[in-house]
Amino acid sequence: MRGIRGEWAVRVVAQMTAVVALAVCGAAAQQAPAGAPVVSTTKQEALRKALETPGPVQPIAYSHKKHLAMGLSCDFCHTNPDPGVLMKFPETAKCMSCHATVAKNKPEIRKLADYAKTQQAIPWVRVYVVLKGVNWSHRPHLKAGTKCETCHGAVDQLDVMARVTGVTAMFGCIDCHEQRGAKAACETCHKPLKIGN
């Protein structure tokens, strides 16, 4: 009986937190001075804001569109025998396995060759970042057959990688889980709240 009460209490606290957050965010959006960043109050606004945010500046201009059109797959470059929170970026040597001969005189490939020459990893900047406090892993999603583009969008159409989905926002996770009948309870992604001692 105590477990049911505890679970009920956590759900009530979570719902109350969501109501307060929406009220605060809505008030902040209405009171924000012109030009100030506005906190999103709806899923559509949050997604619009995510999509308007340009991708980070990368050390080398890289086109997923071009590489995927040549028949490469996501896991050709992003190899992970045991995927966790992060998928690996390709080793510089992996890129050079093709680019030692392919397009080797182009400026961006010369940058790549410089990283390879000094045996440095390319300092790619992640576009999608899992929020602090979220327990998330690629592992169960890949095991369930989730395709990369489900979360990352039509990467095969992107010359410059950018956030094109709301996957790292809570609504993105919940919507997807609900559509697929996957668990969407708070503790699926968040550590349980400790109330009291």
C-alpha atoms as a PDB file:
ATOM      1  CA  MET A   1       0.000   0.000   0.000  1.00  0.00           C
ATOM      2  CA  ARG A   2       2.846   2.377   0.846  1.00  0.00           C
ATOM      3  CA  GLY A   3       4.332   1.923  -2.659  1.00  0.00           C
ATOM      4  CA  ILE A   4       1.093   3.025  -4.285  1.00  0.00           C
ATOM      5  CA  ARG A   5       0.899   6.111  -2.045  1.00  0.00           C
ATOM      6  CA  GLY A   6       4.526   6.962  -2.768  1.00  0.00           C
ATOM      7  CA  GLU A   7       3.986   6.588  -6.519  1.00  0.00           C
ATOM      8  CA  TRP A   8       0.806   8.687  -6.284  1.00  0.00           C
ATOM      9  CA  ALA A   9       2.676  11.394  -4.349  1.00  0.00           C
ATOM     10  CA  VAL A  10       5.439  11.528  -6.955  1.00  0.00           C
ATOM     11  CA  ARG A  11       2.873  11.853  -9.761  1.00  0.00           C
ATOM     12  CA  VAL A  12       1.010  14.626  -7.909  1.00  0.00           C
ATOM     13  CA  VAL A  13       4.261  16.520  -7.272  1.00  0.00           C
ATOM     14  CA  ALA A  14       5.267  16.114 -10.933  1.00  0.00           C
ATOM     15  CA  GLN A  15       1.880  17.359 -12.151  1.00  0.00           C
ATOM     16  CA  MET A  16       1.935  20.318  -9.757  1.00  0.00           C
ATOM     17  CA  THR A  17       5.472  21.164 -10.866  1.00  0.00           C
ATOM     18  CA  ALA A  18       4.361  21.108 -14.505  1.00  0.00           C
ATOM     19  CA  VAL A  19       1.400  23.410 -13.758  1.00  0.00           C
ATOM     20  CA  VAL A  20       3.602  25.859 -11.819  1.00  0.00           C
ATOM     21  CA  ALA A  21       6.280  25.770 -14.537  1.00  0.00           C
ATOM     22  CA  LEU A  22       3.707  26.482 -17.239  1.00  0.00           C
ATOM     23  CA  ALA A  23       2.245  29.349 -15.210  1.00  0.00           C
ATOM     24  CA  VAL A  24       5.682  30.831 -14.520  1.00  0.00           C
ATOM     25  CA  CYS A  25       6.834  30.394 -18.113  1.00  0.00           C
ATOM     26  CA  GLY A  26       3.608  31.877 -19.439  1.00  0.00           C
ATOM     27  CA  ALA A  27       3.918  34.871 -17.114  1.00  0.00           C
ATOM     28  CA  ALA A  28       7.584  35.313 -18.032  1.00  0.00           C
ATOM     29  CA  ALA A  29       6.712  35.247 -21.717  1.00  0.00           C
ATOM     30  CA  GLN A  30       4.020  37.901 -21.234  1.00  0.00           C
ATOM     31  CA  GLN A  31       6.251  40.156 -19.101  1.00  0.00           C
ATOM     32  CA  ALA A  32       9.464  39.779 -21.093  1.00  0.00           C
ATOM     33  CA  PRO A  33      10.837  43.067 -22.453  1.00  0.00           C
ATOM     34  CA  ALA A  34      11.136  43.456 -26.215  1.00  0.00           C
ATOM     35  CA  GLY A  35      14.108  41.550 -27.585  1.00  0.00           C
ATOM     36  CA  ALA A  36      14.522  39.365 -24.477  1.00  0.00           C
ATOM     37  CA  PRO A  37      14.624  35.596 -24.977  1.00  0.00           C
ATOM     38  CA  VAL A  38      11.149  34.176 -24.470  1.00  0.00           C
ATOM     39  CA  VAL A  39      10.594  30.942 -22.579  1.00  0.00           C
ATOM     40  CA  SER A  40       8.501  28.554 -24.662  1.00  0.00           C
ATOM     41  CA  THR A  41       5.041  27.777 -23.340  1.00  0.00           C
ATOM     42  CA  THR A  42       3.892  25.221 -25.895  1.00  0.00           C
ATOM     43  CA  LYS A  43       5.348  22.264 -27.727  1.00  0.00           C
ATOM     44  CA  GLN A  44       5.070  24.135 -31.016  1.00  0.00           C
ATOM     45  CA  GLU A  45       6.921  27.150 -29.631  1.00  0.00           C
ATOM     46  CA  ALA A  46       9.637  24.948 -28.128  1.00  0.00           C
ATOM     47  CA  LEU A  47      10.093  23.122 -31.436  1.00  0.00           C
ATOM     48  CA  ARG A  48      10.121  26.398 -33.391  1.00  0.00           C
ATOM     49  CA  LYS A  49      12.795  27.768 -31.062  1.00  0.00           C
ATOM     50  CA  ALA A  50      14.882  24.591 -31.433  1.00  0.00           C
ATOM     51  CA  LEU A  51      14.614  24.723 -35.217  1.00  0.00           C
ATOM     52  CA  GLU A  52      15.527  28.409 -35.379  1.00  0.00           C
ATOM     53  CA  THR A  53      18.736  27.751 -33.469  1.00  0.00           C
ATOM     54  CA  PRO A  54      21.518  27.300 -36.008  1.00  0.00           C
ATOM     55  CA  GLY A  55      23.836  24.373 -35.624  1.00  0.00           C
ATOM     56  CA  PRO A  56      27.128  25.016 -33.878  1.00  0.00           C
ATOM     57  CA  VAL A  57      30.161  26.101 -35.859  1.00  0.00           C
ATOM     58  CA  GLN A  58      32.132  22.946 -36.598  1.00  0.00           C
ATOM     59  CA  PRO A  59      35.908  22.720 -37.060  1.00  0.00           C
ATOM     60  CA  ILE A  60      35.418  21.251 -40.540  1.00  0.00           C
ATOM     61  CA  ALA A  61      32.487  21.846 -42.877  1.00  0.00           C
ATOM     62  CA  TYR A  62      30.900  18.417 -43.222  1.00  0.00           C
ATOM     63  CA  SER A  63      27.847  17.491 -45.282  1.00  0.00           C
ATOM     64  CA  HIS A  64      25.843  14.527 -44.032  1.00  0.00           C
ATOM     65  CA  LYS A  65      23.731  14.942 -47.171  1.00  0.00           C
ATOM     66  CA  LYS A  66      26.691  14.434 -49.491  1.00  0.00           C
ATOM     67  CA  HIS A  67      28.145  11.460 -47.595  1.00  0.00           C
ATOM     68  CA  LEU A  68      24.820   9.640 -47.141  1.00  0.00           C
ATOM     69  CA  ALA A  69      24.003  10.175 -50.837  1.00  0.00           C
ATOM     70  CA  MET A  70      27.183   8.233 -51.636  1.00  0.00           C
ATOM     71  CA  GLY A  71      25.795   5.219 -49.792  1.00  0.00           C
ATOM     72  CA  LEU A  72      27.376   5.618 -46.364  1.00  0.00           C
ATOM     73  CA  SER A  73      25.184   4.786 -43.378  1.00  0.00           C
ATOM     74  CA  CYS A  74      25.086   6.432 -39.955  1.00  0.00           C
ATOM     75  CA  ASP A  75      26.880   3.506 -38.313  1.00  0.00           C
ATOM     76  CA  PHE A  76      29.689   3.580 -40.882  1.00  0.00           C
ATOM     77  CA  CYS A  77      31.026   6.723 -39.208  1.00  0.00           C
ATOM     78  CA  HIS A  78      29.309   6.596 -35.819  1.00  0.00           C
ATOM     79  CA  THR A  79      30.497   3.170 -34.712  1.00  0.00           C
ATOM     80  CA  ASN A  80      29.631   2.044 -31.219  1.00  0.00           C
ATOM     81  CA  PRO A  81      29.809  -1.594 -30.209  1.00  0.00           C
ATOM     82  CA  ASP A  82      27.959  -0.698 -26.988  1.00  0.00           C
ATOM     83  CA  PRO A  83      26.092   2.571 -27.544  1.00  0.00           C
ATOM     84  CA  GLY A  84      25.325   4.591 -24.460  1.00  0.00           C
ATOM     85  CA  VAL A  85      24.435   8.225 -23.986  1.00  0.00           C
ATOM     86  CA  LEU A  86      26.751   9.398 -26.763  1.00  0.00           C
ATOM     87  CA  MET A  87      27.439   7.921 -30.156  1.00  0.00           C
ATOM     88  CA  LYS A  88      31.073   8.233 -31.117  1.00  0.00           C
ATOM     89  CA  PHE A  89      32.330  10.647 -33.685  1.00  0.00           C
ATOM     90  CA  PRO A  90      34.500   8.975 -36.306  1.00  0.00           C
ATOM     91  CA  GLU A  91      38.211   8.673 -35.665  1.00  0.00           C
ATOM     92  CA  THR A  92      40.241  11.048 -37.827  1.00  0.00           C
ATOM     93  CA  ALA A  93      41.934   8.019 -39.408  1.00  0.00           C
ATOM     94  CA  LYS A  94      38.503   6.691 -40.454  1.00  0.00           C
ATOM     95  CA  CYS A  95      37.829   9.895 -42.403  1.00  0.00           C
ATOM     96  CA  MET A  96      41.291   9.753 -43.930  1.00  0.00           C
ATOM     97  CA  SER A  97      40.743   6.172 -45.105  1.00  0.00           C
ATOM     98  CA  CYS A  98      38.745   7.748 -47.935  1.00  0.00           C
ATOM     99  CA  HIS A  99      40.067  11.282 -47.984  1.00  0.00           C
ATOM    100  CA  ALA A 100      43.722  10.354 -48.409  1.00  0.00           C
ATOM    101  CA  THR A 101      42.723  10.178 -52.089  1.00  0.00           C
ATOM    102  CA  VAL A 102      39.169  11.571 -52.366  1.00  0.00           C
ATOM    103  CA  ALA A 103      38.929  15.383 -52.646  1.00  0.00           C
ATOM    104  CA  LYS A 104      42.302  15.680 -50.914  1.00  0.00           C
ATOM    105  CA  ASN A 105      43.044  19.150 -52.341  1.00  0.00           C
ATOM    106  CA  LYS A 106      39.853  20.787 -51.056  1.00  0.00           C
ATOM    107  CA  PRO A 107      40.398  23.231 -48.156  1.00  0.00           C
ATOM    108  CA  GLU A 108      38.184  21.333 -45.696  1.00  0.00           C
ATOM    109  CA  ILE A 109      39.955  18.051 -46.454  1.00  0.00           C
ATOM    110  CA  ARG A 110      43.280  19.785 -45.887  1.00  0.00           C
ATOM    111  CA  LYS A 111      42.028  20.722 -42.404  1.00  0.00           C
ATOM    112  CA  LEU A 112      41.127  17.072 -41.888  1.00  0.00           C
ATOM    113  CA  ALA A 113      44.584  16.010 -43.052  1.00  0.00           C
ATOM    114  CA  ASP A 114      46.169  18.426 -40.553  1.00  0.00           C
ATOM    115  CA  TYR A 115      44.266  16.765 -37.693  1.00  0.00           C
ATOM    116  CA  ALA A 116      45.360  13.362 -38.996  1.00  0.00           C
ATOM    117  CA  LYS A 117      48.981  14.439 -39.374  1.00  0.00           C
ATOM    118  CA  THR A 118      49.136  15.461 -35.707  1.00  0.00           C
ATOM    119  CA  GLN A 119      47.006  12.455 -34.660  1.00  0.00           C
ATOM    120  CA  GLN A 120      44.362  14.708 -33.123  1.00  0.00           C
ATOM    121  CA  ALA A 121      40.695  13.944 -32.796  1.00  0.00           C
ATOM    122  CA  ILE A 122      38.527  16.401 -34.692  1.00  0.00           C
ATOM    123  CA  PRO A 123      36.849  18.574 -32.023  1.00  0.00           C
ATOM    124  CA  TRP A 124      33.300  18.171 -33.344  1.00  0.00           C
ATOM    125  CA  VAL A 125      30.612  20.026 -31.405  1.00  0.00           C
ATOM    126  CA  ARG A 126      27.537  17.987 -30.482  1.00  0.00           C
ATOM    127  CA  VAL A 127      24.261  19.270 -31.903  1.00  0.00           C
ATOM    128  CA  TYR A 128      21.951  17.202 -29.689  1.00  0.00           C
ATOM    129  CA  VAL A 129      22.826  17.206 -25.990  1.00  0.00           C
ATOM    130  CA  VAL A 130      21.041  15.124 -23.365  1.00  0.00           C
ATOM    131  CA  LEU A 131      19.847  17.394 -20.589  1.00  0.00           C
ATOM    132  CA  LYS A 132      21.301  17.131 -17.105  1.00  0.00           C
ATOM    133  CA  GLY A 133      19.221  14.880 -14.857  1.00  0.00           C
ATOM    134  CA  VAL A 134      17.970  12.729 -17.719  1.00  0.00           C
ATOM    135  CA  ASN A 135      18.948   9.064 -17.749  1.00  0.00           C
ATOM    136  CA  TRP A 136      19.111   8.340 -21.448  1.00  0.00           C
ATOM    137  CA  SER A 137      20.908   5.861 -23.667  1.00  0.00           C
ATOM    138  CA  HIS A 138      20.966   4.983 -27.357  1.00  0.00           C
ATOM    139  CA  ARG A 139      21.076   1.290 -26.361  1.00  0.00           C
ATOM    140  CA  PRO A 140      17.360   0.574 -25.659  1.00  0.00           C
ATOM    141  CA  HIS A 141      16.255   2.777 -28.543  1.00  0.00           C
ATOM    142  CA  LEU A 142      18.449   0.951 -31.070  1.00  0.00           C
ATOM    143  CA  LYS A 143      17.472  -2.405 -29.562  1.00  0.00           C
ATOM    144  CA  ALA A 144      13.806  -1.463 -30.113  1.00  0.00           C
ATOM    145  CA  GLY A 145      14.576  -0.779 -33.784  1.00  0.00           C
ATOM    146  CA  THR A 146      14.402   3.015 -33.594  1.00  0.00           C
ATOM    147  CA  LYS A 147      16.010   4.510 -36.681  1.00  0.00           C
ATOM    148  CA  CYS A 148      18.502   7.371 -36.311  1.00  0.00           C
ATOM    149  CA  GLU A 149      16.256   9.732 -38.289  1.00  0.00           C
ATOM    150  CA  THR A 150      13.388   9.212 -35.824  1.00  0.00           C
ATOM    151  CA  CYS A 151      15.252  11.396 -33.337  1.00  0.00           C
ATOM    152  CA  HIS A 152      17.738  13.262 -35.511  1.00  0.00           C
ATOM    153  CA  GLY A 153      15.475  14.047 -38.469  1.00  0.00           C
ATOM    154  CA  ALA A 154      16.272  13.764 -42.171  1.00  0.00           C
ATOM    155  CA  VAL A 155      20.034  14.095 -41.737  1.00  0.00           C
ATOM    156  CA  ASP A 156      20.406  12.891 -45.322  1.00  0.00           C
ATOM    157  CA  GLN A 157      19.003  16.272 -46.390  1.00  0.00           C
ATOM    158  CA  LEU A 158      21.357  18.396 -44.271  1.00  0.00           C
ATOM    159  CA  ASP A 159      24.479  20.015 -45.624  1.00  0.00           C
ATOM    160  CA  VAL A 160      25.067  21.506 -42.175  1.00  0.00           C
ATOM    161  CA  MET A 161      24.031  19.480 -39.144  1.00  0.00           C
ATOM    162  CA  ALA A 162      21.492  21.355 -37.039  1.00  0.00           C
ATOM    163  CA  ARG A 163      18.743  20.580 -34.555  1.00  0.00           C
ATOM    164  CA  VAL A 164      15.752  19.692 -36.681  1.00  0.00           C
ATOM    165  CA  THR A 165      13.695  17.873 -34.053  1.00  0.00           C
ATOM    166  CA  GLY A 166      12.694  18.529 -30.473  1.00  0.00           C
ATOM    167  CA  VAL A 167      14.175  15.216 -29.376  1.00  0.00           C
ATOM    168  CA  THR A 168      16.131  16.663 -26.456  1.00  0.00           C
ATOM    169  CA  ALA A 169      13.087  18.473 -25.085  1.00  0.00           C
ATOM    170  CA  MET A 170      10.839  16.509 -22.740  1.00  0.00           C
ATOM    171  CA  PHE A 171       7.824  16.834 -25.032  1.00  0.00           C
ATOM    172  CA  GLY A 172       9.802  15.173 -27.833  1.00  0.00           C
ATOM    173  CA  CYS A 173      10.492  12.113 -25.714  1.00  0.00           C
ATOM    174  CA  ILE A 174       6.985  11.868 -24.269  1.00  0.00           C
ATOM    175  CA  ASP A 175       5.230  12.299 -27.624  1.00  0.00           C
ATOM    176  CA  CYS A 176       7.364   9.608 -29.230  1.00  0.00           C
ATOM    177  CA  HIS A 177       6.932   7.187 -26.320  1.00  0.00           C
ATOM    178  CA  GLU A 178       3.159   7.698 -26.278  1.00  0.00           C
ATOM    179  CA  GLN A 179       2.862   7.225 -30.054  1.00  0.00           C
ATOM    180  CA  ARG A 180       4.778   3.939 -29.847  1.00  0.00           C
ATOM    181  CA  GLY A 181       3.243   2.623 -26.642  1.00  0.00           C
ATOM    182  CA  ALA A 182       6.593   2.815 -24.809  1.00  0.00           C
ATOM    183  CA  LYS A 183       6.804   3.600 -21.100  1.00  0.00           C
ATOM    184  CA  ALA A 184       6.433   7.338 -20.511  1.00  0.00           C
ATOM    185  CA  ALA A 185       6.364   7.496 -16.712  1.00  0.00           C
ATOM    186  CA  CYS A 186       8.686  10.046 -15.108  1.00  0.00           C
ATOM    187  CA  GLU A 187      11.036   7.377 -13.753  1.00  0.00           C
ATOM    188  CA  THR A 188      11.562   6.013 -17.268  1.00  0.00           C
ATOM    189  CA  CYS A 189      13.945   8.900 -17.925  1.00  0.00           C
ATOM    190  CA  HIS A 190      14.405  10.656 -14.591  1.00  0.00           C
ATOM    191  CA  LYS A 191      15.825   9.469 -11.293  1.00  0.00           C
ATOM    192  CA  PRO A 192      13.043   9.191  -8.697  1.00  0.00           C
ATOM    193  CA  LEU A 193      12.597  12.224  -6.469  1.00  0.00           C
ATOM    194  CA  LYS A 194      13.682  11.703  -2.877  1.00  0.00           C
ATOM    195  CA  ILE A 195      11.025  13.189  -0.624  1.00  0.00           C
ATOM    196  CA  GLY A 196      12.132  13.660   2.970  1.00  0.00           C
ATOM    197  CA  ASN A 197      14.956  11.499   4.299  1.00  0.00           C
END
